[in-house]
Amino acid sequence: GVLFGLVHGNFTQFFYAFGLGSLFAYIYLKSGNFFVVFASHAIFNVLSGILPAIMMEKGSDLAFALYMLAYLAVVITGVILLIIGAQGFKPKKGEISLSKKKMAEAVLVNPGMITAVLLMLALMILSLFTFTV
């Protein structure tokens, strides 16, 4: 979730991207299928960015209101399905068992990850001082 937030590159998007990234991580752990996460992200981008922009420019207020109601219904349905699916969730064991400390070291403490996180933090901090008109 933190990395997903950092990858978005600015402070404004970090917090909702962190929450969404955490949800996507859970979906991946639950499904074991990256395509499900990829499709979820694509659907979210279309529903939250592209369609509203088109409707605001070319659609009526009624069409936009109906879109928002449909969007709310999708969100509520998703939350209900997530709650139902979360019952009894237990991650699968891998072939090689690592302690939590070794796993954290392998994932977080390597030159590539450290460099990426530092660059993403720098971009986020820079975005605080960059203004667009």
Protein backbone atom coordinates (compact mmCIF):
# COMPACT_ATOMS: atom_id res chain seq x y z
CA GLY A 1 0.00 0.00 0.00
CA VAL A 2 2.79 2.40 0.89
CA LEU A 3 4.63 1.68 -2.35
CA PHE A 4 1.44 2.09 -4.39
CA GLY A 5 0.93 5.48 -2.74
CA LEU A 6 4.53 6.53 -3.35
CA VAL A 7 4.44 5.45 -7.00
CA HIS A 8 1.64 7.93 -7.65
CA GLY A 9 4.30 10.57 -7.09
CA ASN A 10 2.50 13.34 -5.25
CA PHE A 11 1.33 14.10 -1.75
CA THR A 12 -2.28 14.74 -2.78
CA GLN A 13 -2.81 11.23 -4.17
CA PHE A 14 -0.67 9.38 -1.63
CA PHE A 15 -3.30 8.74 1.02
CA TYR A 16 -6.10 7.38 -1.14
CA ALA A 17 -3.55 5.45 -3.25
CA PHE A 18 -2.16 3.95 -0.03
CA GLY A 19 -5.62 2.70 0.93
CA LEU A 20 -6.34 1.44 -2.57
CA GLY A 21 -2.92 -0.23 -2.78
CA SER A 22 -3.57 -2.00 0.52
CA LEU A 23 -6.89 -3.23 -0.85
CA PHE A 24 -5.20 -4.42 -4.05
CA ALA A 25 -2.56 -6.24 -1.98
CA TYR A 26 -5.33 -7.99 -0.04
CA ILE A 27 -7.10 -8.92 -3.29
CA TYR A 28 -3.85 -10.41 -4.62
CA LEU A 29 -3.26 -12.37 -1.42
CA LYS A 30 -6.83 -13.63 -1.50
CA SER A 31 -6.96 -14.51 -5.20
CA GLY A 32 -3.31 -15.23 -5.99
CA ASN A 33 -4.04 -13.76 -9.41
CA PHE A 34 -2.34 -10.54 -10.53
CA PHE A 35 -4.78 -10.14 -13.43
CA VAL A 36 -7.61 -9.60 -10.91
CA VAL A 37 -5.63 -6.73 -9.35
CA PHE A 38 -4.73 -5.31 -12.77
CA ALA A 39 -8.36 -5.42 -13.91
CA SER A 40 -9.55 -3.87 -10.63
CA HIS A 41 -7.08 -1.01 -11.03
CA ALA A 42 -8.14 -0.44 -14.65
CA ILE A 43 -11.84 -0.44 -13.72
CA PHE A 44 -11.17 1.98 -10.85
CA ASN A 45 -9.28 4.35 -13.17
CA VAL A 46 -12.08 4.32 -15.74
CA LEU A 47 -14.84 4.80 -13.16
CA SER A 48 -13.08 7.48 -11.15
CA GLY A 49 -11.30 9.47 -13.83
CA ILE A 50 -12.23 8.96 -17.43
CA LEU A 51 -16.01 8.57 -17.38
CA PRO A 52 -16.72 11.51 -15.03
CA ALA A 53 -14.55 13.79 -17.17
CA ILE A 54 -16.44 12.79 -20.32
CA MET A 55 -19.83 13.12 -18.62
CA MET A 56 -19.04 16.53 -17.15
CA GLU A 57 -18.09 17.81 -20.58
CA LYS A 58 -20.72 16.14 -22.76
CA GLY A 59 -23.36 14.72 -20.44
CA SER A 60 -26.30 16.17 -18.58
CA ASP A 61 -26.63 16.61 -14.83
CA LEU A 62 -29.13 13.74 -14.75
CA ALA A 63 -26.72 11.41 -16.56
CA PHE A 64 -23.95 12.33 -14.13
CA ALA A 65 -26.26 11.75 -11.13
CA LEU A 66 -27.23 8.32 -12.49
CA TYR A 67 -23.55 7.51 -13.01
CA MET A 68 -22.76 8.48 -9.41
CA LEU A 69 -25.60 6.26 -8.12
CA ALA A 70 -24.30 3.34 -10.18
CA TYR A 71 -20.77 4.02 -8.90
CA LEU A 72 -22.04 4.01 -5.30
CA ALA A 73 -23.83 0.71 -5.93
CA VAL A 74 -20.60 -0.83 -7.27
CA VAL A 75 -18.65 0.39 -4.23
CA ILE A 76 -21.23 -0.96 -1.76
CA THR A 77 -21.36 -4.30 -3.60
CA GLY A 78 -17.56 -4.49 -3.57
CA VAL A 79 -17.37 -3.80 0.17
CA ILE A 80 -20.01 -6.46 0.89
CA LEU A 81 -18.18 -9.02 -1.28
CA LEU A 82 -14.88 -8.11 0.38
CA ILE A 83 -16.35 -8.63 3.85
CA ILE A 84 -17.90 -11.96 2.84
CA GLY A 85 -14.67 -13.11 1.18
CA ALA A 86 -12.52 -12.05 4.14
CA GLN A 87 -14.16 -14.52 6.47
CA GLY A 88 -11.76 -17.39 7.10
CA PHE A 89 -8.97 -15.87 5.00
CA LYS A 90 -5.54 -17.36 5.64
CA PRO A 91 -2.53 -16.78 3.34
CA LYS A 92 -1.05 -19.84 1.65
CA LYS A 93 2.30 -21.18 2.84
CA GLY A 94 5.13 -20.96 0.35
CA GLU A 95 7.53 -23.75 -0.56
CA ILE A 96 10.39 -22.03 1.26
CA SER A 97 9.48 -20.78 4.69
CA LEU A 98 11.17 -17.54 5.77
CA SER A 99 10.92 -15.85 9.12
CA LYS A 100 9.14 -12.50 9.10
CA LYS A 101 12.47 -10.76 9.68
CA LYS A 102 14.17 -12.50 6.73
CA MET A 103 11.17 -11.82 4.49
CA ALA A 104 11.17 -8.12 5.42
CA GLU A 105 14.91 -7.92 4.76
CA ALA A 106 14.58 -9.63 1.36
CA VAL A 107 11.77 -7.31 0.26
CA LEU A 108 12.63 -3.98 1.87
CA VAL A 109 16.38 -3.86 2.46
CA ASN A 110 17.94 -4.22 -0.96
CA PRO A 111 19.59 -1.59 -3.15
CA GLY A 112 16.80 -1.50 -5.72
CA MET A 113 14.03 -0.99 -3.18
CA ILE A 114 15.96 1.60 -1.18
CA THR A 115 16.77 3.58 -4.35
CA ALA A 116 13.17 3.39 -5.59
CA VAL A 117 11.69 4.54 -2.27
CA LEU A 118 14.15 7.44 -1.99
CA LEU A 119 13.37 8.59 -5.55
CA MET A 120 9.62 8.32 -4.99
CA LEU A 121 9.87 10.27 -1.72
CA ALA A 122 11.91 12.95 -3.52
CA LEU A 123 9.23 13.21 -6.23
CA MET A 124 6.49 13.48 -3.62
CA ILE A 125 8.34 16.21 -1.73
CA LEU A 126 9.06 18.03 -5.00
CA SER A 127 5.36 17.91 -5.86
CA LEU A 128 4.62 19.94 -2.72
CA PHE A 129 6.64 22.84 -4.15
CA THR A 130 5.59 22.59 -7.78
CA PHE A 131 2.55 24.60 -8.72
CA THR A 132 0.66 24.36 -11.99
CA VAL A 133 -1.63 27.05 -13.30
